[in-house]
PDB file of all heavy atoms in Angstrom:
ATOM      1  N   LEU A   1       9.609  19.345  31.020  1.00  0.00           N
ATOM      2  CA  LEU A   1       8.396  20.077  30.637  1.00  0.00           C
ATOM      3  C   LEU A   1       8.196  21.251  31.538  1.00  0.00           C
ATOM      4  O   LEU A   1       7.929  21.057  32.736  1.00  0.00           O
ATOM      5  CB  LEU A   1       7.143  19.169  30.694  1.00  0.00           C
ATOM      6  CG  LEU A   1       7.109  18.041  29.647  1.00  0.00           C
ATOM      7  CD1 LEU A   1       7.637  16.765  30.286  1.00  0.00           C
ATOM      8  CD2 LEU A   1       5.692  17.846  29.170  1.00  0.00           C
ATOM      9  N   GLU A   2       8.347  22.450  31.022  1.00  0.00           N
ATOM     10  CA  GLU A   2       8.252  23.687  31.835  1.00  0.00           C
ATOM     11  C   GLU A   2       6.745  24.071  31.889  1.00  0.00           C
ATOM     12  O   GLU A   2       6.137  24.272  30.867  1.00  0.00           O
ATOM     13  CB  GLU A   2       9.089  24.782  31.196  1.00  0.00           C
ATOM     14  CG  GLU A   2      10.554  24.401  31.038  1.00  0.00           C
ATOM     15  CD  GLU A   2      11.384  25.463  30.401  1.00  0.00           C
ATOM     16  OE1 GLU A   2      10.962  26.651  30.395  1.00  0.00           O
ATOM     17  OE2 GLU A   2      12.474  25.168  29.879  1.00  0.00           O
ATOM     18  N   CYS A   3       6.220  24.149  33.084  1.00  0.00           N
ATOM     19  CA  CYS A   3       4.764  24.285  33.264  1.00  0.00           C
ATOM     20  C   CYS A   3       4.375  25.518  34.068  1.00  0.00           C
ATOM     21  O   CYS A   3       5.006  25.856  35.064  1.00  0.00           O
ATOM     22  CB  CYS A   3       4.260  23.055  34.009  1.00  0.00           C
ATOM     23  SG  CYS A   3       4.634  21.496  33.129  1.00  0.00           S
ATOM     24  N   ARG A   4       3.297  26.154  33.637  1.00  0.00           N
ATOM     25  CA  ARG A   4       2.702  27.266  34.334  1.00  0.00           C
ATOM     26  C   ARG A   4       1.309  26.866  34.810  1.00  0.00           C
ATOM     27  O   ARG A   4       0.467  26.470  34.026  1.00  0.00           O
ATOM     28  CB  ARG A   4       2.572  28.492  33.468  1.00  0.00           C
ATOM     29  CG  ARG A   4       3.860  29.197  33.210  1.00  0.00           C
ATOM     30  CD  ARG A   4       3.628  30.598  32.615  1.00  0.00           C
ATOM     31  NE  ARG A   4       4.850  31.064  32.156  1.00  0.00           N
ATOM     32  CZ  ARG A   4       5.255  31.134  30.846  1.00  0.00           C
ATOM     33  NH1 ARG A   4       4.408  30.695  29.958  1.00  0.00           N
ATOM     34  NH2 ARG A   4       6.431  31.608  30.477  1.00  0.00           N
ATOM     35  N   VAL A   5       1.060  26.991  36.111  1.00  0.00           N
ATOM     36  CA  VAL A   5      -0.211  26.590  36.746  1.00  0.00           C
ATOM     37  C   VAL A   5      -1.361  27.483  36.227  1.00  0.00           C
ATOM     38  O   VAL A   5      -1.196  28.722  36.238  1.00  0.00           O
ATOM     39  CB  VAL A   5      -0.109  26.669  38.269  1.00  0.00           C
ATOM     40  CG1 VAL A   5      -1.472  26.362  38.917  1.00  0.00           C
ATOM     41  CG2 VAL A   5       0.941  25.734  38.782  1.00  0.00           C
ATOM     42  N   THR A   6      -2.417  26.851  35.838  1.00  0.00           N
ATOM     43  CA  THR A   6      -3.618  27.605  35.389  1.00  0.00           C
ATOM     44  C   THR A   6      -4.747  27.465  36.424  1.00  0.00           C
ATOM     45  O   THR A   6      -5.570  28.368  36.519  1.00  0.00           O
ATOM     46  CB  THR A   6      -4.126  27.110  34.008  1.00  0.00           C
ATOM     47  OG1 THR A   6      -4.463  25.742  34.118  1.00  0.00           O
ATOM     48  CG2 THR A   6      -3.100  27.352  32.950  1.00  0.00           C
ATOM     49  N   GLU A   7      -4.768  26.380  37.186  1.00  0.00           N
ATOM     50  CA  GLU A   7      -5.855  26.134  38.111  1.00  0.00           C
ATOM     51  C   GLU A   7      -5.360  25.142  39.141  1.00  0.00           C
ATOM     52  O   GLU A   7      -4.588  24.227  38.854  1.00  0.00           O
ATOM     53  CB  GLU A   7      -7.036  25.639  37.375  1.00  0.00           C
ATOM     54  CG  GLU A   7      -8.301  25.541  38.209  1.00  0.00           C
ATOM     55  CD  GLU A   7      -9.492  25.128  37.286  1.00  0.00           C
ATOM     56  OE1 GLU A   7      -9.416  25.049  36.092  1.00  0.00           O
ATOM     57  OE2 GLU A   7     -10.563  24.830  37.925  1.00  0.00           O
ATOM     58  N   ILE A   8      -5.875  25.256  40.367  1.00  0.00           N
ATOM     59  CA  ILE A   8      -5.625  24.247  41.355  1.00  0.00           C
ATOM     60  C   ILE A   8      -6.983  23.734  41.865  1.00  0.00           C
ATOM     61  O   ILE A   8      -7.866  24.487  42.269  1.00  0.00           O
ATOM     62  CB  ILE A   8      -4.877  24.844  42.575  1.00  0.00           C
ATOM     63  CG1 ILE A   8      -3.559  25.464  42.176  1.00  0.00           C
ATOM     64  CG2 ILE A   8      -4.666  23.751  43.672  1.00  0.00           C
ATOM     65  CD1 ILE A   8      -2.904  26.292  43.268  1.00  0.00           C
ATOM     66  N   LEU A   9      -7.154  22.422  41.740  1.00  0.00           N
ATOM     67  CA  LEU A   9      -8.412  21.786  42.158  1.00  0.00           C
ATOM     68  C   LEU A   9      -8.162  21.072  43.455  1.00  0.00           C
ATOM     69  O   LEU A   9      -7.332  20.121  43.531  1.00  0.00           O
ATOM     70  CB  LEU A   9      -8.854  20.804  41.049  1.00  0.00           C
ATOM     71  CG  LEU A   9      -9.140  21.329  39.690  1.00  0.00           C
ATOM     72  CD1 LEU A   9      -9.419  20.213  38.736  1.00  0.00           C
ATOM     73  CD2 LEU A   9     -10.263  22.338  39.747  1.00  0.00           C
ATOM     74  N   GLU A  10      -8.843  21.494  44.517  1.00  0.00           N
ATOM     75  CA  GLU A  10      -8.689  20.826  45.843  1.00  0.00           C
ATOM     76  C   GLU A  10      -9.652  19.653  45.853  1.00  0.00           C
ATOM     77  O   GLU A  10     -10.856  19.816  46.035  1.00  0.00           O
ATOM     78  CB  GLU A  10      -9.021  21.847  46.940  1.00  0.00           C
ATOM     79  CG  GLU A  10      -8.041  23.000  46.926  1.00  0.00           C
ATOM     80  CD  GLU A  10      -8.255  24.008  48.036  1.00  0.00           C
ATOM     81  OE1 GLU A  10      -9.109  23.760  48.937  1.00  0.00           O
ATOM     82  OE2 GLU A  10      -7.601  25.058  48.007  1.00  0.00           O
ATOM     83  N   LEU A  11      -9.078  18.457  45.704  1.00  0.00           N
ATOM     84  CA  LEU A  11      -9.922  17.268  45.488  1.00  0.00           C
ATOM     85  C   LEU A  11     -10.069  16.361  46.670  1.00  0.00           C
ATOM     86  O   LEU A  11     -10.876  15.413  46.642  1.00  0.00           O
ATOM     87  CB  LEU A  11      -9.297  16.462  44.324  1.00  0.00           C
ATOM     88  CG  LEU A  11      -9.175  17.221  43.006  1.00  0.00           C
ATOM     89  CD1 LEU A  11      -8.382  16.432  41.989  1.00  0.00           C
ATOM     90  CD2 LEU A  11     -10.558  17.540  42.431  1.00  0.00           C
ATOM     91  N   GLY A  12      -9.305  16.545  47.689  1.00  0.00           N
ATOM     92  CA  GLY A  12      -9.327  15.626  48.846  1.00  0.00           C
ATOM     93  C   GLY A  12      -7.904  15.479  49.355  1.00  0.00           C
ATOM     94  O   GLY A  12      -7.232  16.476  49.628  1.00  0.00           O
ATOM     95  N   SER A  13      -7.411  14.287  49.454  1.00  0.00           N
ATOM     96  CA  SER A  13      -6.049  14.048  49.950  1.00  0.00           C
ATOM     97  C   SER A  13      -5.000  14.750  49.093  1.00  0.00           C
ATOM     98  O   SER A  13      -3.959  15.151  49.575  1.00  0.00           O
ATOM     99  CB  SER A  13      -5.741  12.517  50.006  1.00  0.00           C
ATOM    100  OG  SER A  13      -5.696  11.988  48.683  1.00  0.00           O
ATOM    101  N   HIS A  14      -5.263  14.911  47.798  1.00  0.00           N
ATOM    102  CA  HIS A  14      -4.354  15.558  46.866  1.00  0.00           C
ATOM    103  C   HIS A  14      -5.089  16.730  46.216  1.00  0.00           C
ATOM    104  O   HIS A  14      -6.278  16.659  45.990  1.00  0.00           O
ATOM    105  CB  HIS A  14      -3.881  14.616  45.752  1.00  0.00           C
ATOM    106  CG  HIS A  14      -2.958  13.507  46.248  1.00  0.00           C
ATOM    107  ND1 HIS A  14      -3.387  12.518  47.097  1.00  0.00           N
ATOM    108  CD2 HIS A  14      -1.649  13.292  46.040  1.00  0.00           C
ATOM    109  CE1 HIS A  14      -2.385  11.716  47.367  1.00  0.00           C
ATOM    110  NE2 HIS A  14      -1.291  12.146  46.702  1.00  0.00           N
ATOM    111  N   HIS A  15      -4.293  17.763  45.909  1.00  0.00           N
ATOM    112  CA  HIS A  15      -4.782  18.874  45.109  1.00  0.00           C
ATOM    113  C   HIS A  15      -4.131  18.771  43.733  1.00  0.00           C
ATOM    114  O   HIS A  15      -2.929  18.541  43.658  1.00  0.00           O
ATOM    115  CB  HIS A  15      -4.469  20.221  45.775  1.00  0.00           C
ATOM    116  CG  HIS A  15      -5.147  20.422  47.079  1.00  0.00           C
ATOM    117  ND1 HIS A  15      -5.009  21.560  47.796  1.00  0.00           N
ATOM    118  CD2 HIS A  15      -6.018  19.636  47.782  1.00  0.00           C
ATOM    119  CE1 HIS A  15      -5.716  21.461  48.920  1.00  0.00           C
ATOM    120  NE2 HIS A  15      -6.324  20.309  48.911  1.00  0.00           N
ATOM    121  N   MET A  16      -4.914  18.946  42.693  1.00  0.00           N
ATOM    122  CA  MET A  16      -4.387  18.839  41.360  1.00  0.00           C
ATOM    123  C   MET A  16      -4.021  20.182  40.808  1.00  0.00           C
ATOM    124  O   MET A  16      -4.839  21.156  40.816  1.00  0.00           O
ATOM    125  CB  MET A  16      -5.443  18.231  40.444  1.00  0.00           C
ATOM    126  CG  MET A  16      -4.972  18.057  38.978  1.00  0.00           C
ATOM    127  SD  MET A  16      -6.284  17.436  37.903  1.00  0.00           S
ATOM    128  CE  MET A  16      -6.250  15.690  38.386  1.00  0.00           C
ATOM    129  N   PHE A  17      -2.788  20.303  40.307  1.00  0.00           N
ATOM    130  CA  PHE A  17      -2.327  21.506  39.665  1.00  0.00           C
ATOM    131  C   PHE A  17      -2.469  21.305  38.184  1.00  0.00           C
ATOM    132  O   PHE A  17      -1.764  20.451  37.605  1.00  0.00           O
ATOM    133  CB  PHE A  17      -0.844  21.786  39.980  1.00  0.00           C
ATOM    134  CG  PHE A  17      -0.612  22.217  41.411  1.00  0.00           C
ATOM    135  CD1 PHE A  17      -0.481  21.251  42.401  1.00  0.00           C
ATOM    136  CD2 PHE A  17      -0.502  23.563  41.730  1.00  0.00           C
ATOM    137  CE1 PHE A  17      -0.235  21.666  43.757  1.00  0.00           C
ATOM    138  CE2 PHE A  17      -0.264  23.957  43.076  1.00  0.00           C
ATOM    139  CZ  PHE A  17      -0.157  22.993  44.063  1.00  0.00           C
ATOM    140  N   LEU A  18      -3.403  22.000  37.536  1.00  0.00           N
ATOM    141  CA  LEU A  18      -3.482  21.961  36.100  1.00  0.00           C
ATOM    142  C   LEU A  18      -2.546  23.018  35.560  1.00  0.00           C
ATOM    143  O   LEU A  18      -2.440  24.135  36.111  1.00  0.00           O
ATOM    144  CB  LEU A  18      -4.919  22.277  35.626  1.00  0.00           C
ATOM    145  CG  LEU A  18      -6.009  21.288  35.998  1.00  0.00           C
ATOM    146  CD1 LEU A  18      -7.383  21.839  35.655  1.00  0.00           C
ATOM    147  CD2 LEU A  18      -5.756  19.975  35.303  1.00  0.00           C
ATOM    148  N   ALA A  19      -1.834  22.682  34.502  1.00  0.00           N
ATOM    149  CA  ALA A  19      -0.829  23.601  34.025  1.00  0.00           C
ATOM    150  C   ALA A  19      -0.645  23.529  32.513  1.00  0.00           C
ATOM    151  O   ALA A  19      -0.785  22.451  31.902  1.00  0.00           O
ATOM    152  CB  ALA A  19       0.540  23.304  34.656  1.00  0.00           C
ATOM    153  N   GLU A  20      -0.344  24.702  31.908  1.00  0.00           N
ATOM    154  CA  GLU A  20       0.041  24.711  30.493  1.00  0.00           C
ATOM    155  C   GLU A  20       1.524  24.437  30.377  1.00  0.00           C
ATOM    156  O   GLU A  20       2.257  24.959  31.194  1.00  0.00           O
ATOM    157  CB  GLU A  20      -0.324  26.087  29.888  1.00  0.00           C
ATOM    158  CG  GLU A  20      -1.761  26.179  29.536  1.00  0.00           C
ATOM    159  CD  GLU A  20      -2.039  27.390  28.580  1.00  0.00           C
ATOM    160  OE1 GLU A  20      -1.292  27.544  27.576  1.00  0.00           O
ATOM    161  OE2 GLU A  20      -3.000  28.112  28.852  1.00  0.00           O
ATOM    162  N   VAL A  21       1.877  23.722  29.367  1.00  0.00           N
ATOM    163  CA  VAL A  21       3.320  23.472  29.096  1.00  0.00           C
ATOM    164  C   VAL A  21       3.790  24.679  28.306  1.00  0.00           C
ATOM    165  O   VAL A  21       3.389  24.960  27.194  1.00  0.00           O
ATOM    166  CB  VAL A  21       3.505  22.157  28.323  1.00  0.00           C
ATOM    167  CG1 VAL A  21       5.011  21.991  27.989  1.00  0.00           C
ATOM    168  CG2 VAL A  21       3.008  20.963  29.142  1.00  0.00           C
ATOM    169  N   ALA A  22       4.699  25.410  28.951  1.00  0.00           N
ATOM    170  CA  ALA A  22       5.262  26.665  28.324  1.00  0.00           C
ATOM    171  C   ALA A  22       6.415  26.345  27.430  1.00  0.00           C
ATOM    172  O   ALA A  22       6.726  27.139  26.520  1.00  0.00           O
ATOM    173  CB  ALA A  22       5.674  27.616  29.445  1.00  0.00           C
ATOM    174  N   GLY A  23       7.103  25.252  27.665  1.00  0.00           N
ATOM    175  CA  GLY A  23       8.235  24.850  26.832  1.00  0.00           C
ATOM    176  C   GLY A  23       8.728  23.506  27.219  1.00  0.00           C
ATOM    177  O   GLY A  23       8.418  22.991  28.280  1.00  0.00           O
ATOM    178  N   VAL A  24       9.477  22.923  26.304  1.00  0.00           N
ATOM    179  CA  VAL A  24      10.032  21.571  26.517  1.00  0.00           C
ATOM    180  C   VAL A  24      11.532  21.603  26.147  1.00  0.00           C
ATOM    181  O   VAL A  24      11.920  22.160  25.138  1.00  0.00           O
ATOM    182  CB  VAL A  24       9.302  20.499  25.659  1.00  0.00           C
ATOM    183  CG1 VAL A  24       9.948  19.113  25.832  1.00  0.00           C
ATOM    184  CG2 VAL A  24       7.832  20.476  26.008  1.00  0.00           C
ATOM    185  N   GLN A  25      12.362  21.000  26.986  1.00  0.00           N
ATOM    186  CA  GLN A  25      13.783  20.803  26.653  1.00  0.00           C
ATOM    187  C   GLN A  25      14.025  19.290  26.566  1.00  0.00           C
ATOM    188  O   GLN A  25      13.513  18.519  27.388  1.00  0.00           O
ATOM    189  CB  GLN A  25      14.660  21.429  27.728  1.00  0.00           C
ATOM    190  CG  GLN A  25      14.600  22.910  27.783  1.00  0.00           C
ATOM    191  CD  GLN A  25      15.626  23.542  28.707  1.00  0.00           C
ATOM    192  OE1 GLN A  25      16.781  23.169  28.684  1.00  0.00           O
ATOM    193  NE2 GLN A  25      15.207  24.492  29.512  1.00  0.00           N
ATOM    194  N   VAL A  26      14.806  18.889  25.569  1.00  0.00           N
ATOM    195  CA  VAL A  26      15.137  17.485  25.388  1.00  0.00           C
ATOM    196  C   VAL A  26      16.647  17.360  25.241  1.00  0.00           C
ATOM    197  O   VAL A  26      17.303  18.233  24.718  1.00  0.00           O
ATOM    198  CB  VAL A  26      14.407  16.843  24.162  1.00  0.00           C
ATOM    199  CG1 VAL A  26      12.908  16.858  24.380  1.00  0.00           C
ATOM    200  CG2 VAL A  26      14.845  17.486  22.893  1.00  0.00           C
ATOM    201  N   SER A  27      17.176  16.225  25.763  1.00  0.00           N
ATOM    202  CA  SER A  27      18.636  15.976  25.647  1.00  0.00           C
ATOM    203  C   SER A  27      19.020  15.569  24.272  1.00  0.00           C
ATOM    204  O   SER A  27      18.455  14.643  23.685  1.00  0.00           O
ATOM    205  CB  SER A  27      19.042  14.846  26.616  1.00  0.00           C
ATOM    206  OG  SER A  27      18.761  15.238  27.914  1.00  0.00           O
TER     207      SER A  27
END
């Protein structure tokens, strides 16, 4: 799943990268 970050949420121990899926490749 090829992803482009739209937002980073600094939540505490982890930061969440929200991303749109720009494309998908499957075998």
